[in-house]
């Protein structure tokens, strides 16, 4: 296989050992399985950040080199095993991870504060590991305001909850149930399924029969796509709306426009956001990759800002990143397409928006938080 420019890929020569004096960042993204849908955009966005950093001083005045590691649950070799070997071989200087929370929990037990670990996607909150910086949306920022807005504007009386069976959906749904109780809405049903479940159609039928006015969809990647296709084929949009915090533009494309009616998403970033930061990012992204690049979306953009956050964190070469709970020691304003600003894992003040699927893109309705 010919060598491609850009990141060093794990099937090429000696990625487990340091082969250059560059600052090596392990980019952990899913490349197979349910979340594999997120991989191309995440890698493409990270490549733009690396090109920008290397046109200046890199990180710590070293050129930045990416090593892409498959962090899917279904990956042939678990990501934590690869990372453990690379850290032991002094082959990694930092990690930028865009993957699900169960993988993060295993990785923190391996990394143990030895190198900085920037975790970029939305997640359930509560990460306090030494040297672990979670810069994504959490349920109080993302889910609570969306539930409140939809309850008040659409007069929804009851909700169904469906998610994959792991930490993020379950923790997010605990938050959602508390919020629903606080606003006087009812819980019609709650279901959890394994990745790539053969039982999904039956679960959708159970949601359809629950009498819910809305369904919170906390499914990952391809599972969310399959849910949308079944939901659309059954024309359930006629009697209930959908809300998601993790369905992004690649998911819309894979689901098909006819299966996306009355689908809402809450996020701090959409590819269609009309602010100046995003306009500049879109221009750089398509200038680097061309107009057939992977779809811009929140999960992909998060790796772009994860690398810029890392550079900002390590500016000056100090060791403040070793504090527990993402305490950087100072507020960090870093380059991103969503006005990135970070205080700690508990305080990442960025605006949150609600959007509705319009064909294969998101139409941003407005700002609902911050």
Protein backbone atom coordinates (compact mmCIF):
# COMPACT_ATOMS: atom_id res chain seq x y z
CA UNK A 1 0.00 0.00 0.00
CA UNK A 2 1.49 3.40 -0.93
CA UNK A 3 2.31 5.81 1.87
CA UNK A 4 -0.14 8.69 2.19
CA UNK A 5 0.84 12.16 3.28
CA UNK A 6 -0.28 13.26 6.71
CA UNK A 7 -0.80 10.92 9.69
CA UNK A 8 1.25 7.81 10.29
CA UNK A 9 -1.14 4.86 9.96
CA UNK A 10 -0.94 1.81 12.17
CA UNK A 11 -0.39 -0.62 9.31
CA UNK A 12 2.79 1.19 8.29
CA UNK A 13 6.31 0.93 9.64
CA UNK A 14 6.97 0.88 13.39
CA UNK A 15 4.20 3.18 14.73
CA UNK A 16 4.69 1.60 18.17
CA UNK A 17 8.17 3.15 18.36
CA UNK A 18 9.33 6.71 17.95
CA UNK A 19 10.71 7.19 14.47
CA UNK A 20 11.18 10.99 14.42
CA UNK A 21 11.76 13.91 16.80
CA UNK A 22 8.23 15.19 16.13
CA UNK A 23 5.62 15.76 18.84
CA UNK A 24 3.54 12.60 18.41
CA UNK A 25 -0.21 12.77 19.07
CA UNK A 26 -2.28 9.60 19.16
CA UNK A 27 -5.54 10.43 17.39
CA UNK A 28 -8.01 7.88 18.71
CA UNK A 29 -11.10 7.65 16.50
CA UNK A 30 -13.41 4.74 15.61
CA UNK A 31 -12.73 3.27 12.18
CA UNK A 32 -15.10 0.30 12.27
CA UNK A 33 -18.27 -0.86 14.01
CA UNK A 34 -21.27 1.23 15.02
CA UNK A 35 -19.25 4.42 15.54
CA UNK A 36 -17.08 3.97 12.42
CA UNK A 37 -19.34 6.46 10.65
CA UNK A 38 -17.59 9.19 12.66
CA UNK A 39 -14.04 8.31 11.63
CA UNK A 40 -13.48 10.07 8.27
CA UNK A 41 -14.70 13.50 9.43
CA UNK A 42 -12.71 13.24 12.64
CA UNK A 43 -9.47 12.38 10.84
CA UNK A 44 -10.04 15.04 8.17
CA UNK A 45 -10.67 17.76 10.78
CA UNK A 46 -7.58 16.77 12.77
CA UNK A 47 -5.44 16.97 9.62
CA UNK A 48 -6.50 20.59 9.14
CA UNK A 49 -5.47 21.43 12.70
CA UNK A 50 -2.08 19.76 12.28
CA UNK A 51 -1.42 21.70 9.08
CA UNK A 52 -2.23 24.96 10.90
CA UNK A 53 -0.07 24.13 13.91
CA UNK A 54 2.87 23.05 11.75
CA UNK A 55 2.76 26.25 9.73
CA UNK A 56 3.60 28.00 12.99
CA UNK A 57 5.54 26.47 15.89
CA UNK A 58 3.83 23.08 16.13
CA UNK A 59 3.49 22.04 19.77
CA UNK A 60 6.34 22.93 22.10
CA UNK A 61 8.28 24.12 19.05
CA UNK A 62 8.17 20.61 17.62
CA UNK A 63 6.45 19.52 14.43
CA UNK A 64 3.21 17.67 15.16
CA UNK A 65 2.77 14.13 13.86
CA UNK A 66 -0.49 12.20 14.08
CA UNK A 67 -0.70 8.47 14.73
CA UNK A 68 -4.24 7.32 13.98
CA UNK A 69 -5.45 4.50 16.26
CA UNK A 70 -8.76 2.69 15.82
CA UNK A 71 -10.67 3.25 19.06
CA UNK A 72 -13.89 1.45 18.12
CA UNK A 73 -15.32 -1.02 20.63
CA UNK A 74 -15.19 -3.54 17.78
CA UNK A 75 -11.54 -2.85 16.79
CA UNK A 76 -9.43 -6.02 16.37
CA UNK A 77 -6.90 -4.77 18.94
CA UNK A 78 -8.31 -2.70 21.82
CA UNK A 79 -7.04 0.89 21.72
CA UNK A 80 -5.91 0.77 25.33
CA UNK A 81 -3.52 -2.09 24.53
CA UNK A 82 -1.89 -0.11 21.71
CA UNK A 83 -1.66 3.04 23.82
CA UNK A 84 -0.15 1.13 26.74
CA UNK A 85 2.66 -0.23 24.54
CA UNK A 86 3.29 3.15 22.90
CA UNK A 87 3.53 4.98 26.22
CA UNK A 88 5.93 2.32 27.53
CA UNK A 89 8.04 2.83 24.39
CA UNK A 90 7.93 6.64 24.79
CA UNK A 91 6.26 6.71 21.35
CA UNK A 92 3.41 9.09 22.28
CA UNK A 93 3.51 12.61 23.69
CA UNK A 94 -0.25 13.19 23.99
CA UNK A 95 -3.67 11.78 23.07
CA UNK A 96 -6.64 13.41 21.38
CA UNK A 97 -9.59 11.03 21.67
CA UNK A 98 -12.93 11.14 19.85
CA UNK A 99 -14.63 7.90 20.88
CA UNK A 100 -17.30 6.59 23.21
CA UNK A 101 -17.08 6.89 26.99
CA UNK A 102 -16.55 3.20 27.76
CA UNK A 103 -13.32 3.36 25.74
CA UNK A 104 -12.29 6.54 27.60
CA UNK A 105 -12.81 4.83 30.94
CA UNK A 106 -10.50 1.98 29.97
CA UNK A 107 -7.91 4.35 28.51
CA UNK A 108 -7.68 6.50 31.64
CA UNK A 109 -6.72 3.36 33.55
CA UNK A 110 -3.82 2.87 31.15
CA UNK A 111 -2.69 6.46 30.62
CA UNK A 112 -2.72 7.28 34.37
CA UNK A 113 -1.65 10.89 33.86
CA UNK A 114 1.58 9.97 32.09
CA UNK A 115 0.75 12.13 29.05
CA UNK A 116 -2.00 14.71 28.37
CA UNK A 117 -5.29 13.20 27.20
CA UNK A 118 -7.81 15.52 25.52
CA UNK A 119 -11.26 13.94 25.20
CA UNK A 120 -13.26 15.86 22.61
CA UNK A 121 -16.86 14.62 22.03
CA UNK A 122 -20.05 15.19 23.97
CA UNK A 123 -20.20 12.91 26.99
CA UNK A 124 -22.03 12.25 30.26
CA UNK A 125 -19.83 14.51 32.44
CA UNK A 126 -17.93 13.75 35.62
CA UNK A 127 -14.45 12.98 34.22
CA UNK A 128 -11.83 13.86 36.85
CA UNK A 129 -8.77 11.81 35.90
CA UNK A 130 -5.31 13.34 36.22
CA UNK A 131 -4.31 14.95 32.94
CA UNK A 132 -7.65 14.19 31.27
CA UNK A 133 -9.37 17.19 29.67
CA UNK A 134 -12.97 16.73 28.51
CA UNK A 135 -13.92 19.64 26.25
CA UNK A 136 -17.25 18.41 24.83
CA UNK A 137 -20.89 19.09 25.68
CA UNK A 138 -22.50 17.55 28.77
CA UNK A 139 -26.20 16.89 29.55
CA UNK A 140 -26.76 20.09 31.58
CA UNK A 141 -25.44 22.14 28.64
CA UNK A 142 -26.97 20.16 25.83
CA UNK A 143 -29.85 17.94 26.90
CA UNK A 144 -31.58 19.91 29.65
CA UNK A 145 -32.17 23.10 27.61
CA UNK A 146 -33.38 21.08 24.59
CA UNK A 147 -35.93 19.10 26.63
CA UNK A 148 -37.21 22.30 28.22
CA UNK A 149 -37.47 24.14 24.88
CA UNK A 150 -39.32 21.27 23.18
CA UNK A 151 -41.63 20.75 26.16
CA UNK A 152 -42.64 24.39 26.20
CA UNK A 153 -42.89 24.94 22.44
CA UNK A 154 -44.33 21.57 21.34
CA UNK A 155 -46.42 20.77 24.45
CA UNK A 156 -45.00 17.29 24.86
CA UNK A 157 -46.54 15.27 27.68
CA UNK A 158 -44.59 12.00 27.57
CA UNK A 159 -41.20 10.76 26.38
CA UNK A 160 -39.62 7.47 25.37
CA UNK A 161 -35.87 6.91 25.87
CA UNK A 162 -33.75 4.59 23.73
CA UNK A 163 -29.98 4.16 23.85
CA UNK A 164 -27.07 1.79 23.48
CA UNK A 165 -26.27 -0.13 26.64
CA UNK A 166 -23.23 1.68 28.05
CA UNK A 167 -22.32 4.58 30.29
CA UNK A 168 -23.18 7.66 28.16
CA UNK A 169 -26.81 6.77 27.29
CA UNK A 170 -27.60 5.52 30.78
CA UNK A 171 -26.08 8.53 32.54
CA UNK A 172 -27.68 10.96 30.08
CA UNK A 173 -31.06 9.30 30.55
CA UNK A 174 -30.78 9.57 34.33
CA UNK A 175 -30.34 13.29 33.81
CA UNK A 176 -33.21 13.38 31.29
CA UNK A 177 -35.59 11.58 33.66
CA UNK A 178 -34.85 14.06 36.43
CA UNK A 179 -35.44 16.94 34.02
CA UNK A 180 -38.71 15.42 32.73
CA UNK A 181 -39.95 14.97 36.28
CA UNK A 182 -39.07 18.57 37.09
CA UNK A 183 -41.17 19.93 34.21
CA UNK A 184 -44.08 17.54 34.78
CA UNK A 185 -43.59 15.29 31.75
CA UNK A 186 -44.11 11.52 31.91
CA UNK A 187 -41.75 8.68 31.04
CA UNK A 188 -43.53 6.36 28.60
CA UNK A 189 -40.77 3.74 28.21
CA UNK A 190 -37.01 3.23 28.37
CA UNK A 191 -34.94 0.72 26.38
CA UNK A 192 -31.23 -0.11 26.00
CA UNK A 193 -29.74 -2.27 23.27
CA UNK A 194 -26.26 -3.62 22.50
CA UNK A 195 -24.37 -2.27 19.48
CA UNK A 196 -25.63 -3.65 16.15
CA UNK A 197 -28.62 -5.26 17.86
CA UNK A 198 -30.78 -7.58 15.78
CA UNK A 199 -33.67 -6.58 18.03
CA UNK A 200 -33.86 -2.92 16.98
CA UNK A 201 -37.06 -3.20 14.90
CA UNK A 202 -38.90 -4.78 17.82
CA UNK A 203 -37.71 -2.04 20.18
CA UNK A 204 -38.91 0.64 17.73
CA UNK A 205 -42.30 -1.06 17.68
CA UNK A 206 -42.36 -0.94 21.49
CA UNK A 207 -41.55 2.78 21.39
CA UNK A 208 -44.33 3.26 18.82
CA UNK A 209 -46.81 1.51 21.11
CA UNK A 210 -45.80 3.44 24.22
CA UNK A 211 -47.97 6.46 23.49
CA UNK A 212 -45.00 8.83 23.78
CA UNK A 213 -45.07 12.25 22.15
CA UNK A 214 -41.28 12.33 21.81
CA UNK A 215 -38.33 9.95 21.85
CA UNK A 216 -34.80 10.75 23.02
CA UNK A 217 -32.42 8.82 20.77
CA UNK A 218 -29.07 8.07 22.44
CA UNK A 219 -27.80 5.57 19.90
CA UNK A 220 -24.33 5.57 18.38
CA UNK A 221 -23.51 6.04 14.69
CA UNK A 222 -24.90 3.25 12.54
CA UNK A 223 -27.38 2.20 15.23
CA UNK A 224 -28.91 5.70 15.12
CA UNK A 225 -29.03 5.47 11.32
CA UNK A 226 -30.84 2.12 11.47
CA UNK A 227 -33.26 3.52 14.04
CA UNK A 228 -34.07 6.48 11.81
CA UNK A 229 -34.66 4.24 8.80
CA UNK A 230 -37.07 1.99 10.72
CA UNK A 231 -38.75 4.99 12.36
CA UNK A 232 -39.22 6.66 8.96
CA UNK A 233 -40.50 3.50 7.26
CA UNK A 234 -43.14 3.16 10.01
CA UNK A 235 -44.05 6.88 9.56
CA UNK A 236 -43.76 7.40 13.31
CA UNK A 237 -42.88 11.05 12.76
CA UNK A 238 -46.62 11.61 12.36
CA UNK A 239 -47.18 11.03 16.07
CA UNK A 240 -43.85 11.75 17.81
CA UNK A 241 -40.75 13.88 17.45
CA UNK A 242 -37.15 12.74 17.89
CA UNK A 243 -34.42 14.47 19.88
CA UNK A 244 -30.76 13.46 19.74
CA UNK A 245 -27.52 14.87 21.08
CA UNK A 246 -25.27 12.67 18.93
CA UNK A 247 -26.83 12.35 15.48
CA UNK A 248 -24.66 14.44 13.18
CA UNK A 249 -24.54 15.33 9.49
CA UNK A 250 -23.03 12.00 8.37
CA UNK A 251 -25.89 10.31 10.19
CA UNK A 252 -28.40 12.43 8.30
CA UNK A 253 -26.81 11.50 5.00
CA UNK A 254 -26.88 7.79 5.83
CA UNK A 255 -30.43 7.88 7.19
CA UNK A 256 -31.98 9.43 4.08
CA UNK A 257 -34.03 12.64 3.92
CA UNK A 258 -37.39 10.84 3.93
CA UNK A 259 -36.58 9.30 7.33
CA UNK A 260 -35.66 12.54 9.10
CA UNK A 261 -38.96 14.38 9.51
CA UNK A 262 -39.36 16.09 12.91
CA UNK A 263 -35.87 15.16 14.05
CA UNK A 264 -34.18 17.66 16.38
CA UNK A 265 -30.60 17.79 17.60
CA UNK A 266 -28.97 19.81 20.37
CA UNK A 267 -25.27 20.67 20.07
CA UNK A 268 -22.71 23.44 20.43
CA UNK A 269 -21.69 22.92 16.79
CA UNK A 270 -23.35 22.25 13.44
CA UNK A 271 -21.70 22.41 10.04
CA UNK A 272 -24.35 24.95 9.01
CA UNK A 273 -23.70 27.42 11.85
CA UNK A 274 -23.53 30.93 10.42
CA UNK A 275 -20.97 32.49 12.75
CA UNK A 276 -17.66 33.97 11.62
CA UNK A 277 -15.53 31.29 13.32
CA UNK A 278 -17.32 28.53 11.46
CA UNK A 279 -17.19 30.36 8.14
CA UNK A 280 -13.39 30.56 8.46
CA UNK A 281 -13.16 26.92 9.53
CA UNK A 282 -15.29 25.72 6.60
CA UNK A 283 -13.08 27.68 4.20
CA UNK A 284 -9.89 26.15 5.62
CA UNK A 285 -11.39 22.65 5.78
CA UNK A 286 -12.55 22.60 2.15
CA UNK A 287 -9.42 24.43 1.03
CA UNK A 288 -7.38 21.59 2.53
CA UNK A 289 -9.55 18.62 1.51
CA UNK A 290 -11.64 19.89 -1.42
CA UNK A 291 -15.41 20.00 -1.77
CA UNK A 292 -15.82 16.22 -1.59
CA UNK A 293 -14.43 16.09 1.93
CA UNK A 294 -16.33 14.23 4.70
CA UNK A 295 -19.33 16.10 6.08
CA UNK A 296 -18.58 18.76 8.68
CA UNK A 297 -20.18 17.94 12.01
CA UNK A 298 -19.79 18.34 15.76
CA UNK A 299 -17.86 15.12 16.36
CA UNK A 300 -15.43 15.75 13.51
CA UNK A 301 -14.86 19.39 14.40
CA UNK A 302 -14.09 18.30 17.95
CA UNK A 303 -10.76 16.74 16.90
CA UNK A 304 -9.79 19.99 15.17
CA UNK A 305 -10.31 21.93 18.35
CA UNK A 306 -8.87 19.12 20.47
CA UNK A 307 -5.48 19.59 18.81
CA UNK A 308 -5.64 23.36 19.15
CA UNK A 309 -6.70 22.96 22.79
CA UNK A 310 -3.70 20.68 23.36
CA UNK A 311 -1.33 23.24 21.86
CA UNK A 312 -2.82 25.97 24.05
CA UNK A 313 -2.65 23.75 27.14
CA UNK A 314 1.05 23.03 26.64
CA UNK A 315 2.01 26.55 25.66
CA UNK A 316 5.11 27.48 27.63
CA UNK A 317 5.96 23.85 28.36
CA UNK A 318 4.66 23.88 31.96
CA UNK A 319 3.36 20.86 33.84
CA UNK A 320 -0.01 22.28 34.91
CA UNK A 321 -1.78 19.68 32.80
CA UNK A 322 -0.97 17.07 35.47
CA UNK A 323 -3.65 18.41 37.80
CA UNK A 324 -6.70 16.15 38.45
CA UNK A 325 -10.15 16.83 37.01
CA UNK A 326 -9.08 18.86 34.00
CA UNK A 327 -7.83 21.80 36.08
CA UNK A 328 -5.61 23.56 33.57
CA UNK A 329 -4.71 26.24 36.10
CA UNK A 330 -6.04 29.04 33.90
CA UNK A 331 -8.94 29.66 31.48
CA UNK A 332 -8.01 28.59 27.94
CA UNK A 333 -9.32 30.28 24.82
CA UNK A 334 -8.30 28.15 21.87
CA UNK A 335 -9.00 28.05 18.14
CA UNK A 336 -12.25 26.29 17.25
CA UNK A 337 -15.34 26.77 15.10
CA UNK A 338 -17.62 27.14 18.14
CA UNK A 339 -15.96 29.86 20.25
CA UNK A 340 -13.96 27.38 22.33
CA UNK A 341 -13.37 28.46 25.90
CA UNK A 342 -12.35 26.13 28.73
CA UNK A 343 -12.12 26.56 32.48
CA UNK A 344 -12.34 22.95 33.70
CA UNK A 345 -14.10 19.68 32.91
CA UNK A 346 -17.06 21.06 34.86
CA UNK A 347 -17.06 24.47 33.19
CA UNK A 348 -16.71 24.69 29.42
CA UNK A 349 -18.81 27.76 28.55
CA UNK A 350 -19.82 27.51 24.89
CA UNK A 351 -23.21 28.36 23.32
CA UNK A 352 -25.64 25.48 22.69
CA UNK A 353 -28.00 25.44 19.71
CA UNK A 354 -31.10 23.49 18.74
CA UNK A 355 -31.48 22.44 15.12
CA UNK A 356 -34.03 20.54 13.07
CA UNK A 357 -33.20 18.20 10.20
CA UNK A 358 -34.06 19.80 6.88
CA UNK A 359 -33.39 17.21 4.22
CA UNK A 360 -29.78 16.15 4.71
CA UNK A 361 -28.64 19.23 6.66
CA UNK A 362 -29.49 20.83 9.99
CA UNK A 363 -31.47 24.05 10.08
CA UNK A 364 -30.35 25.83 13.25
CA UNK A 365 -33.43 27.14 15.05
CA UNK A 366 -31.55 29.17 17.61
CA UNK A 367 -29.40 29.35 20.70
CA UNK A 368 -30.89 27.63 23.75
CA UNK A 369 -28.12 27.90 26.38
CA UNK A 370 -25.10 30.03 27.42
